[in-house]
Amino acid sequence: MTKFEQAALQPHGFLLSEDAREQLKQVRDQLFLIAGFVFAATLEEEHALLEIRRSMLGQLFESFGLRIDEVLTALEWAGPPSTH
């Protein structure tokens, strides 16, 4: 078997732990929940202003960003060692 064929058989990519996968699922579910509250259900709601304090929205985005960063930090490279 050639070196190229051996490399093709080895797994490569990123591995996500079960815990990190659960964290991503929670973030996804919470984003869908927020979207459900924000989408207008009626034409009247569509034209109504949605008022929210900037600091609260900023905290929300920061929280999601930090949680996603935790998952990305937990990713492990699964592949042949780099030869660089």
Protein backbone atom coordinates (compact mmCIF):
# COMPACT_ATOMS: atom_id res chain seq x y z
CA MET A 1 0.00 0.00 0.00
CA THR A 2 1.38 3.40 -0.92
CA LYS A 3 1.82 6.27 1.50
CA PHE A 4 -0.99 8.10 -0.30
CA GLU A 5 -3.39 5.16 0.12
CA GLN A 6 -2.48 4.83 3.81
CA ALA A 7 -3.13 8.54 4.39
CA ALA A 8 -6.52 8.24 2.68
CA LEU A 9 -7.55 5.46 5.07
CA GLN A 10 -6.67 7.40 8.20
CA PRO A 11 -9.45 9.53 9.65
CA HIS A 12 -8.89 13.24 9.27
CA GLY A 13 -10.89 16.22 10.40
CA PHE A 14 -12.08 17.43 13.77
CA LEU A 15 -13.49 15.33 16.58
CA LEU A 16 -16.24 16.76 18.75
CA SER A 17 -16.76 15.30 22.20
CA GLU A 18 -20.25 14.28 23.26
CA ASP A 19 -20.27 17.11 25.83
CA ALA A 20 -19.31 19.70 23.22
CA ARG A 21 -21.97 18.32 20.87
CA GLU A 22 -24.58 18.74 23.61
CA GLN A 23 -23.42 22.33 24.15
CA LEU A 24 -23.86 23.06 20.45
CA LYS A 25 -27.31 21.48 20.49
CA GLN A 26 -28.32 23.70 23.43
CA VAL A 27 -27.10 26.83 21.66
CA ARG A 28 -28.99 25.77 18.51
CA ASP A 29 -32.19 25.10 20.44
CA GLN A 30 -31.97 28.42 22.28
CA LEU A 31 -31.43 30.31 19.02
CA PHE A 32 -34.50 28.61 17.53
CA LEU A 33 -36.48 29.52 20.66
CA ILE A 34 -35.43 33.17 20.40
CA ALA A 35 -36.30 33.17 16.70
CA GLY A 36 -39.76 31.88 17.57
CA PHE A 37 -40.33 34.85 19.89
CA VAL A 38 -39.02 37.39 17.40
CA PHE A 39 -40.88 36.22 14.27
CA ALA A 40 -44.16 38.02 13.82
CA ALA A 41 -47.28 35.86 14.04
CA THR A 42 -49.63 38.49 12.64
CA LEU A 43 -49.45 41.38 10.18
CA GLU A 44 -49.94 43.78 13.08
CA GLU A 45 -46.93 42.29 14.88
CA GLU A 46 -44.93 42.51 11.65
CA HIS A 47 -45.31 46.29 11.64
CA ALA A 48 -44.80 46.76 15.38
CA LEU A 49 -41.41 47.83 16.68
CA LEU A 50 -39.54 45.31 18.79
CA GLU A 51 -37.96 47.13 21.70
CA ILE A 52 -34.97 45.67 23.47
CA ARG A 53 -32.16 47.28 25.40
CA ARG A 54 -28.85 47.27 23.56
CA SER A 55 -26.97 45.98 26.60
CA MET A 56 -29.29 42.98 26.89
CA LEU A 57 -28.89 42.13 23.22
CA GLY A 58 -25.12 42.55 23.52
CA GLN A 59 -25.02 40.23 26.53
CA LEU A 60 -27.06 37.65 24.63
CA PHE A 61 -24.71 37.67 21.65
CA GLU A 62 -21.67 37.63 23.91
CA SER A 63 -23.06 34.62 25.79
CA PHE A 64 -23.62 32.68 22.57
CA GLY A 65 -20.19 33.66 21.31
CA LEU A 66 -18.48 32.50 24.48
CA ARG A 67 -20.34 29.19 24.49
CA ILE A 68 -19.50 28.52 20.86
CA ASP A 69 -15.88 29.46 21.59
CA GLU A 70 -15.82 26.80 24.33
CA VAL A 71 -16.93 24.18 21.83
CA LEU A 72 -14.40 25.29 19.23
CA THR A 73 -11.65 25.18 21.84
CA ALA A 74 -12.66 21.61 22.71
CA LEU A 75 -12.33 20.42 19.09
CA GLU A 76 -9.53 17.96 18.51
CA TRP A 77 -7.77 17.43 15.18
CA ALA A 78 -7.98 13.83 14.07
CA GLY A 79 -5.66 13.18 11.25
CA PRO A 80 -2.14 12.38 10.30
CA PRO A 81 0.47 14.49 12.05
CA SER A 82 1.48 17.60 10.16
CA THR A 83 4.81 17.36 8.37
CA HIS A 84 5.32 21.13 8.22
